[in-house]
C-alpha cells in the first residue's frame, strides 16, 4: 500500500533541477548578463550548431535579442514565461524560454517556446519536442 501511495503521489511534470515558475526572475537575470554563444543546436537529430559559429547573443532589455558576429546583426525577441501563457501543453509549473527571429532562415529555426532543461550562471540548456512530427530539438547557450 505504501508503494502504491508513493508511486501515485509522484508528478511526472516535476523537474529534477527544480525549475518552476519561481525561477522566472532568476533565469531572466542570468541571461541578461554578458553575451552568450550557441554551443549546441540539434534539430531532429541533425547538428546545425555551425550555423551560429562566431555569433554572440545578447538578451537585452525590452525582450530584444541581438545576435552579432561583427559583420552581421540579427534582431529578434526573447522572454521567459509560464508555459500556460504560451501554446504548448506542458504543466503550468513549467516555464518556457521563448525565442523569435523573422530572418534569416537559420535564425528562424531558433524561434520556439523552448522548455528549460538546466540553467546556471554560465549555461542554459533547452529542449523542444515537436507536436507535429514528434522530433526533438536541443539548444544550448554558454556564456562567453
N, C-alpha and C. Protein backbone atom coordinates (compact mmCIF):
# COMPACT_ATOMS: atom_id res chain seq x y z
N UNK A 1 0.82 -1.18 0.00
CA UNK A 1 0.00 0.00 0.00
C UNK A 1 0.87 1.26 0.00
N UNK A 2 1.96 1.24 0.80
CA UNK A 2 2.87 2.37 0.85
C UNK A 2 3.47 2.67 -0.52
N UNK A 3 3.91 1.62 -1.23
CA UNK A 3 4.48 1.78 -2.55
C UNK A 3 3.47 2.38 -3.52
N UNK A 4 2.23 1.93 -3.46
CA UNK A 4 1.18 2.46 -4.32
C UNK A 4 0.98 3.95 -4.06
N UNK A 5 0.96 4.35 -2.81
CA UNK A 5 0.79 5.76 -2.45
C UNK A 5 1.96 6.59 -2.95
N UNK A 6 3.15 6.06 -2.79
CA UNK A 6 4.35 6.77 -3.23
C UNK A 6 4.34 6.96 -4.74
N UNK A 7 4.01 5.92 -5.50
CA UNK A 7 4.01 6.00 -6.95
C UNK A 7 2.92 6.93 -7.44
N UNK A 8 1.74 6.88 -6.87
CA UNK A 8 0.65 7.72 -7.36
C UNK A 8 0.78 9.16 -6.92
N UNK A 9 1.60 9.44 -5.91
CA UNK A 9 1.76 10.83 -5.48
C UNK A 9 2.84 11.55 -6.25
N UNK A 10 3.66 10.85 -7.01
CA UNK A 10 4.70 11.48 -7.82
C UNK A 10 4.07 12.14 -9.02
N UNK A 11 4.57 13.30 -9.37
CA UNK A 11 4.06 14.05 -10.50
C UNK A 11 5.08 13.97 -11.61
N UNK A 12 4.71 13.48 -12.77
CA UNK A 12 5.67 13.34 -13.88
C UNK A 12 6.13 14.68 -14.41
N UNK A 13 5.45 15.77 -14.04
CA UNK A 13 5.84 17.08 -14.52
C UNK A 13 6.87 17.75 -13.62
N UNK A 14 7.23 17.14 -12.49
CA UNK A 14 8.23 17.73 -11.62
C UNK A 14 9.57 17.73 -12.31
N UNK A 15 10.29 18.82 -12.19
CA UNK A 15 11.61 18.93 -12.78
C UNK A 15 12.65 18.57 -11.73
N UNK A 16 13.58 17.71 -12.08
CA UNK A 16 14.58 17.26 -11.12
C UNK A 16 15.48 18.39 -10.66
N UNK A 17 15.66 19.41 -11.47
CA UNK A 17 16.53 20.51 -11.06
C UNK A 17 15.74 21.68 -10.48
N UNK A 18 14.47 21.50 -10.20
CA UNK A 18 13.68 22.50 -9.50
C UNK A 18 13.30 23.70 -10.34
N UNK A 19 13.26 23.59 -11.64
CA UNK A 19 12.86 24.71 -12.48
C UNK A 19 11.35 24.81 -12.43
N UNK A 20 10.85 25.95 -11.97
CA UNK A 20 9.42 26.18 -11.89
C UNK A 20 9.14 27.66 -12.01
N UNK A 21 7.89 28.06 -11.84
CA UNK A 21 7.50 29.46 -12.02
C UNK A 21 8.32 30.43 -11.17
N UNK A 22 8.76 29.99 -10.00
CA UNK A 22 9.54 30.86 -9.13
C UNK A 22 10.90 31.23 -9.69
N UNK A 23 11.36 30.54 -10.72
CA UNK A 23 12.68 30.79 -11.29
C UNK A 23 12.68 31.80 -12.44
N UNK A 24 11.53 32.32 -12.83
CA UNK A 24 11.47 33.21 -13.99
C UNK A 24 12.40 34.41 -13.82
N UNK A 25 12.33 35.10 -12.70
CA UNK A 25 13.19 36.26 -12.48
C UNK A 25 14.66 35.88 -12.43
N UNK A 26 14.97 34.75 -11.80
CA UNK A 26 16.36 34.31 -11.71
C UNK A 26 16.93 34.01 -13.09
N UNK A 27 16.18 33.29 -13.91
CA UNK A 27 16.64 32.95 -15.26
C UNK A 27 16.80 34.22 -16.09
N UNK A 28 15.83 35.10 -16.00
CA UNK A 28 15.89 36.37 -16.74
C UNK A 28 17.14 37.16 -16.36
N UNK A 29 17.42 37.25 -15.08
CA UNK A 29 18.60 37.99 -14.63
C UNK A 29 19.90 37.35 -15.08
N UNK A 30 19.94 36.02 -15.10
CA UNK A 30 21.15 35.31 -15.54
C UNK A 30 21.45 35.59 -17.00
N UNK A 31 20.45 35.45 -17.87
CA UNK A 31 20.73 35.59 -19.31
C UNK A 31 20.96 37.04 -19.73
N UNK A 32 20.49 37.99 -18.93
CA UNK A 32 20.68 39.39 -19.29
C UNK A 32 22.09 39.89 -18.99
N UNK A 33 22.90 39.07 -18.33
CA UNK A 33 24.27 39.49 -18.03
C UNK A 33 25.23 38.90 -19.05
N UNK A 34 25.99 39.75 -19.68
CA UNK A 34 27.02 39.31 -20.61
C UNK A 34 26.47 38.86 -21.95
N UNK A 35 27.36 38.25 -22.72
CA UNK A 35 26.97 37.72 -24.04
C UNK A 35 27.08 36.19 -23.99
N UNK A 36 26.35 35.56 -24.91
CA UNK A 36 26.23 34.11 -24.94
C UNK A 36 26.52 33.60 -26.34
N UNK A 37 26.93 32.35 -26.42
CA UNK A 37 27.13 31.71 -27.72
C UNK A 37 26.36 30.39 -27.72
N UNK A 38 25.99 29.96 -28.91
CA UNK A 38 25.32 28.66 -29.05
C UNK A 38 26.40 27.59 -29.18
N UNK A 39 26.37 26.63 -28.27
CA UNK A 39 27.33 25.53 -28.33
C UNK A 39 26.68 24.24 -28.81
N UNK A 40 25.34 24.20 -28.83
CA UNK A 40 24.61 23.06 -29.38
C UNK A 40 23.31 23.54 -29.99
N UNK A 41 23.07 23.17 -31.24
CA UNK A 41 21.74 23.30 -31.83
C UNK A 41 21.52 22.06 -32.68
N UNK A 42 20.66 21.21 -32.20
CA UNK A 42 20.35 19.96 -32.87
C UNK A 42 18.86 19.97 -33.20
N UNK A 43 18.55 19.85 -34.49
CA UNK A 43 17.17 19.87 -34.95
C UNK A 43 16.83 18.51 -35.53
N UNK A 44 15.93 17.80 -34.85
CA UNK A 44 15.52 16.45 -35.28
C UNK A 44 16.72 15.53 -35.50
N UNK A 45 17.73 15.63 -34.63
CA UNK A 45 18.90 14.77 -34.73
C UNK A 45 19.99 15.29 -35.63
N UNK A 46 19.76 16.39 -36.33
CA UNK A 46 20.77 16.98 -37.22
C UNK A 46 21.51 18.10 -36.49
N UNK A 47 22.82 17.99 -36.37
CA UNK A 47 23.62 19.01 -35.71
C UNK A 47 23.76 20.22 -36.64
N UNK A 48 23.18 21.34 -36.23
CA UNK A 48 23.24 22.57 -37.01
C UNK A 48 23.94 23.70 -36.25
N UNK A 49 24.77 23.31 -35.29
CA UNK A 49 25.46 24.28 -34.45
C UNK A 49 26.33 25.22 -35.28
N UNK A 50 26.95 24.73 -36.35
CA UNK A 50 27.85 25.54 -37.16
C UNK A 50 27.17 26.76 -37.78
N UNK A 51 25.84 26.74 -37.93
CA UNK A 51 25.13 27.89 -38.48
C UNK A 51 25.28 29.13 -37.60
N UNK A 52 25.71 28.93 -36.34
CA UNK A 52 25.77 30.04 -35.39
C UNK A 52 27.18 30.31 -34.87
N UNK A 53 28.17 29.65 -35.49
CA UNK A 53 29.56 29.85 -35.09
C UNK A 53 29.95 31.31 -35.29
N UNK A 54 30.57 31.88 -34.27
CA UNK A 54 31.03 33.26 -34.33
C UNK A 54 30.00 34.29 -33.90
N UNK A 55 28.77 33.87 -33.65
CA UNK A 55 27.74 34.81 -33.21
C UNK A 55 27.71 34.91 -31.69
N UNK A 56 27.58 36.14 -31.22
CA UNK A 56 27.35 36.41 -29.81
C UNK A 56 25.92 36.89 -29.64
N UNK A 57 25.24 36.35 -28.65
CA UNK A 57 23.84 36.67 -28.40
C UNK A 57 23.73 37.50 -27.13
N UNK A 58 22.96 38.57 -27.22
CA UNK A 58 22.70 39.43 -26.08
C UNK A 58 21.20 39.44 -25.82
N UNK A 59 20.82 39.06 -24.61
CA UNK A 59 19.43 39.05 -24.18
C UNK A 59 19.20 40.37 -23.45
N UNK A 60 18.69 41.35 -24.19
CA UNK A 60 18.61 42.71 -23.67
C UNK A 60 17.28 43.07 -23.06
N UNK A 61 17.24 44.34 -22.63
CA UNK A 61 16.01 44.90 -22.08
C UNK A 61 14.91 44.93 -23.13
N UNK A 62 13.69 45.04 -22.66
CA UNK A 62 12.51 45.10 -23.53
C UNK A 62 12.40 43.89 -24.44
N UNK A 63 12.94 42.76 -23.98
CA UNK A 63 12.85 41.48 -24.70
C UNK A 63 13.50 41.51 -26.08
N UNK A 64 14.55 42.33 -26.25
CA UNK A 64 15.27 42.39 -27.51
C UNK A 64 16.43 41.41 -27.47
N UNK A 65 16.46 40.51 -28.44
CA UNK A 65 17.53 39.53 -28.58
C UNK A 65 18.37 39.94 -29.79
N UNK A 66 19.67 40.10 -29.59
CA UNK A 66 20.57 40.51 -30.66
C UNK A 66 21.64 39.46 -30.86
N UNK A 67 21.84 39.08 -32.12
CA UNK A 67 22.91 38.15 -32.50
C UNK A 67 23.83 38.88 -33.45
N UNK A 68 25.12 38.91 -33.13
CA UNK A 68 26.07 39.60 -33.99
C UNK A 68 27.36 38.79 -34.09
N UNK A 69 27.96 38.86 -35.29
CA UNK A 69 29.26 38.21 -35.49
C UNK A 69 30.31 39.24 -35.89
N UNK A 70 30.03 40.50 -35.65
CA UNK A 70 30.95 41.57 -36.00
C UNK A 70 30.59 42.22 -37.31
N UNK A 71 30.09 41.46 -38.28
CA UNK A 71 29.69 42.00 -39.58
C UNK A 71 28.17 42.02 -39.73
N UNK A 72 27.52 40.96 -39.27
CA UNK A 72 26.07 40.83 -39.40
C UNK A 72 25.41 40.98 -38.04
N UNK A 73 24.25 41.63 -38.03
CA UNK A 73 23.46 41.77 -36.82
C UNK A 73 22.04 41.32 -37.13
N UNK A 74 21.53 40.41 -36.30
CA UNK A 74 20.15 39.93 -36.44
C UNK A 74 19.44 40.21 -35.12
N UNK A 75 18.24 40.77 -35.24
CA UNK A 75 17.48 41.14 -34.06
C UNK A 75 16.21 40.32 -33.97
N UNK A 76 15.95 39.84 -32.77
CA UNK A 76 14.75 39.06 -32.51
C UNK A 76 14.19 39.42 -31.15
N UNK A 77 13.38 38.51 -30.62
CA UNK A 77 12.78 38.71 -29.32
C UNK A 77 13.07 37.51 -28.42
N UNK A 78 12.94 37.72 -27.14
CA UNK A 78 13.09 36.65 -26.16
C UNK A 78 12.23 36.97 -24.95
N UNK A 79 11.84 35.94 -24.23
CA UNK A 79 11.13 36.10 -22.97
C UNK A 79 11.15 34.79 -22.21
N UNK A 80 10.90 34.88 -20.94
CA UNK A 80 10.75 33.71 -20.09
C UNK A 80 9.35 33.81 -19.49
N UNK A 81 8.52 32.79 -19.75
CA UNK A 81 7.12 32.85 -19.34
C UNK A 81 6.67 31.51 -18.76
N UNK A 82 5.52 31.53 -18.12
CA UNK A 82 4.91 30.28 -17.70
C UNK A 82 4.39 29.59 -18.94
N UNK A 83 4.46 28.27 -18.94
CA UNK A 83 4.05 27.54 -20.14
C UNK A 83 2.56 27.68 -20.41
N UNK A 84 1.76 27.98 -19.38
CA UNK A 84 0.33 28.14 -19.63
C UNK A 84 0.02 29.47 -20.29
N UNK A 85 1.05 30.33 -20.51
CA UNK A 85 0.82 31.59 -21.23
C UNK A 85 1.25 31.47 -22.68
N UNK A 86 1.66 30.27 -23.10
CA UNK A 86 2.03 30.04 -24.49
C UNK A 86 1.19 28.90 -25.04
N UNK A 87 1.52 28.43 -26.22
CA UNK A 87 0.67 27.47 -26.91
C UNK A 87 0.99 26.01 -26.63
N UNK A 88 1.95 25.73 -25.76
CA UNK A 88 2.27 24.32 -25.53
C UNK A 88 1.35 23.72 -24.46
N UNK A 89 1.45 22.43 -24.27
CA UNK A 89 0.55 21.71 -23.40
C UNK A 89 1.21 21.21 -22.13
N UNK A 90 2.31 21.78 -21.72
CA UNK A 90 3.02 21.28 -20.54
C UNK A 90 2.37 21.77 -19.27
N UNK A 91 2.85 21.28 -18.17
CA UNK A 91 2.34 21.65 -16.86
C UNK A 91 2.48 23.14 -16.62
N UNK A 92 1.53 23.69 -15.86
CA UNK A 92 1.57 25.10 -15.51
C UNK A 92 2.76 25.41 -14.61
N UNK A 93 3.41 24.40 -14.02
CA UNK A 93 4.58 24.62 -13.19
C UNK A 93 5.85 24.79 -14.00
N UNK A 94 5.81 24.48 -15.29
CA UNK A 94 6.98 24.61 -16.14
C UNK A 94 7.06 26.03 -16.67
N UNK A 95 8.27 26.39 -17.09
CA UNK A 95 8.45 27.69 -17.72
C UNK A 95 9.06 27.51 -19.10
N UNK A 96 8.81 28.48 -19.95
CA UNK A 96 9.30 28.44 -21.32
C UNK A 96 10.31 29.55 -21.54
N UNK A 97 11.31 29.25 -22.36
CA UNK A 97 12.27 30.23 -22.84
C UNK A 97 11.90 30.48 -24.28
N UNK A 98 11.29 31.61 -24.56
CA UNK A 98 10.74 31.93 -25.88
C UNK A 98 11.74 32.73 -26.70
N UNK A 99 11.97 32.29 -27.93
CA UNK A 99 12.87 32.97 -28.86
C UNK A 99 12.12 33.20 -30.16
N UNK A 100 12.29 34.39 -30.74
CA UNK A 100 11.66 34.68 -32.02
C UNK A 100 12.56 35.49 -32.93
N UNK A 101 12.81 34.97 -34.12
CA UNK A 101 13.53 35.69 -35.18
C UNK A 101 12.68 35.59 -36.44
N UNK A 102 12.67 36.64 -37.27
CA UNK A 102 11.93 36.59 -38.53
C UNK A 102 12.85 36.31 -39.72
N UNK A 103 14.16 36.48 -39.54
CA UNK A 103 15.13 36.17 -40.59
C UNK A 103 16.51 36.17 -39.96
N UNK A 104 17.51 35.63 -40.63
CA UNK A 104 17.48 34.74 -41.79
C UNK A 104 16.99 33.36 -41.38
N UNK A 105 16.88 32.45 -42.33
CA UNK A 105 16.29 31.13 -42.10
C UNK A 105 16.94 30.38 -40.95
N UNK A 106 18.28 30.41 -40.86
CA UNK A 106 18.95 29.69 -39.78
C UNK A 106 18.46 30.17 -38.42
N UNK A 107 18.21 31.47 -38.31
CA UNK A 107 17.79 32.03 -37.04
C UNK A 107 16.30 31.79 -36.77
N UNK A 108 15.50 31.71 -37.83
CA UNK A 108 14.07 31.39 -37.60
C UNK A 108 13.92 29.99 -37.05
N UNK A 109 14.90 29.11 -37.31
CA UNK A 109 14.87 27.76 -36.75
C UNK A 109 14.97 27.79 -35.22
N UNK A 110 15.51 28.86 -34.66
CA UNK A 110 15.60 29.00 -33.21
C UNK A 110 14.28 29.44 -32.59
N UNK A 111 13.38 29.96 -33.42
CA UNK A 111 12.12 30.51 -32.94
C UNK A 111 11.21 29.41 -32.41
N UNK A 112 10.97 29.46 -31.11
CA UNK A 112 10.12 28.45 -30.48
C UNK A 112 9.91 28.81 -29.02
N UNK A 113 9.03 28.07 -28.37
CA UNK A 113 8.86 28.17 -26.93
C UNK A 113 9.53 26.95 -26.31
N UNK A 114 10.81 27.11 -25.99
CA UNK A 114 11.68 26.04 -25.52
C UNK A 114 11.41 25.75 -24.05
N UNK A 115 11.53 24.49 -23.67
CA UNK A 115 11.50 24.09 -22.27
C UNK A 115 12.92 24.10 -21.75
N UNK A 116 13.09 24.55 -20.52
CA UNK A 116 14.42 24.64 -19.92
C UNK A 116 14.75 23.32 -19.24
N UNK A 117 15.86 22.73 -19.66
CA UNK A 117 16.36 21.50 -19.04
C UNK A 117 17.22 21.85 -17.83
N UNK A 118 18.07 22.86 -18.01
CA UNK A 118 19.05 23.22 -16.98
C UNK A 118 19.46 24.67 -17.19
N UNK A 119 19.76 25.35 -16.09
CA UNK A 119 20.36 26.68 -16.23
C UNK A 119 21.27 26.95 -15.04
N UNK A 120 22.27 27.77 -15.31
CA UNK A 120 23.20 28.24 -14.28
C UNK A 120 23.71 29.59 -14.75
N UNK A 121 24.66 30.15 -14.03
CA UNK A 121 25.21 31.45 -14.44
C UNK A 121 26.01 31.37 -15.72
N UNK A 122 26.36 30.14 -16.17
CA UNK A 122 27.18 30.00 -17.37
C UNK A 122 26.59 29.19 -18.49
N UNK A 123 25.42 28.56 -18.27
CA UNK A 123 24.83 27.72 -19.31
C UNK A 123 23.32 27.68 -19.17
N UNK A 124 22.65 27.59 -20.31
CA UNK A 124 21.21 27.34 -20.32
C UNK A 124 20.94 26.31 -21.40
N UNK A 125 20.35 25.18 -20.99
CA UNK A 125 20.07 24.08 -21.91
C UNK A 125 18.56 24.00 -22.12
N UNK A 126 18.18 23.95 -23.40
CA UNK A 126 16.78 23.99 -23.79
C UNK A 126 16.42 22.78 -24.64
N UNK A 127 15.13 22.43 -24.63
CA UNK A 127 14.62 21.32 -25.42
C UNK A 127 13.25 21.69 -25.96
N UNK A 128 12.94 21.17 -27.14
CA UNK A 128 11.60 21.32 -27.71
C UNK A 128 11.22 20.01 -28.39
N UNK A 129 10.07 19.49 -28.00
CA UNK A 129 9.54 18.29 -28.64
C UNK A 129 8.41 18.75 -29.54
N UNK A 130 8.57 18.52 -30.82
CA UNK A 130 7.59 18.99 -31.80
C UNK A 130 6.28 18.24 -31.65
N UNK A 131 5.18 18.98 -31.67
CA UNK A 131 3.87 18.36 -31.61
C UNK A 131 3.47 17.74 -32.93
N UNK A 132 4.01 18.25 -34.04
CA UNK A 132 3.64 17.76 -35.36
C UNK A 132 4.28 16.44 -35.72
N UNK A 133 5.62 16.42 -35.73
CA UNK A 133 6.31 15.21 -36.16
C UNK A 133 6.98 14.45 -35.03
N UNK A 134 6.88 14.98 -33.80
CA UNK A 134 7.46 14.30 -32.65
C UNK A 134 8.97 14.40 -32.56
N UNK A 135 9.60 15.19 -33.44
CA UNK A 135 11.05 15.37 -33.39
C UNK A 135 11.45 16.17 -32.17
N UNK A 136 12.70 15.99 -31.75
CA UNK A 136 13.21 16.68 -30.57
C UNK A 136 14.38 17.57 -30.98
N UNK A 137 14.32 18.84 -30.56
CA UNK A 137 15.37 19.81 -30.82
C UNK A 137 16.05 20.17 -29.51
N UNK A 138 17.36 20.42 -29.57
CA UNK A 138 18.13 20.82 -28.40
C UNK A 138 18.89 22.10 -28.73
N UNK A 139 18.93 23.01 -27.75
CA UNK A 139 19.63 24.27 -27.91
C UNK A 139 20.34 24.59 -26.61
N UNK A 140 21.65 24.85 -26.70
CA UNK A 140 22.44 25.20 -25.52
C UNK A 140 23.16 26.51 -25.77
N UNK A 141 22.99 27.44 -24.83
CA UNK A 141 23.73 28.70 -24.81
C UNK A 141 24.75 28.60 -23.68
N UNK A 142 25.98 29.04 -23.97
CA UNK A 142 27.00 29.15 -22.93
C UNK A 142 27.50 30.58 -22.90
N UNK A 143 27.76 31.06 -21.72
CA UNK A 143 28.24 32.42 -21.54
C UNK A 143 29.66 32.55 -22.07
N UNK A 144 29.92 33.66 -22.76
CA UNK A 144 31.27 33.94 -23.27
C UNK A 144 32.20 34.32 -22.13
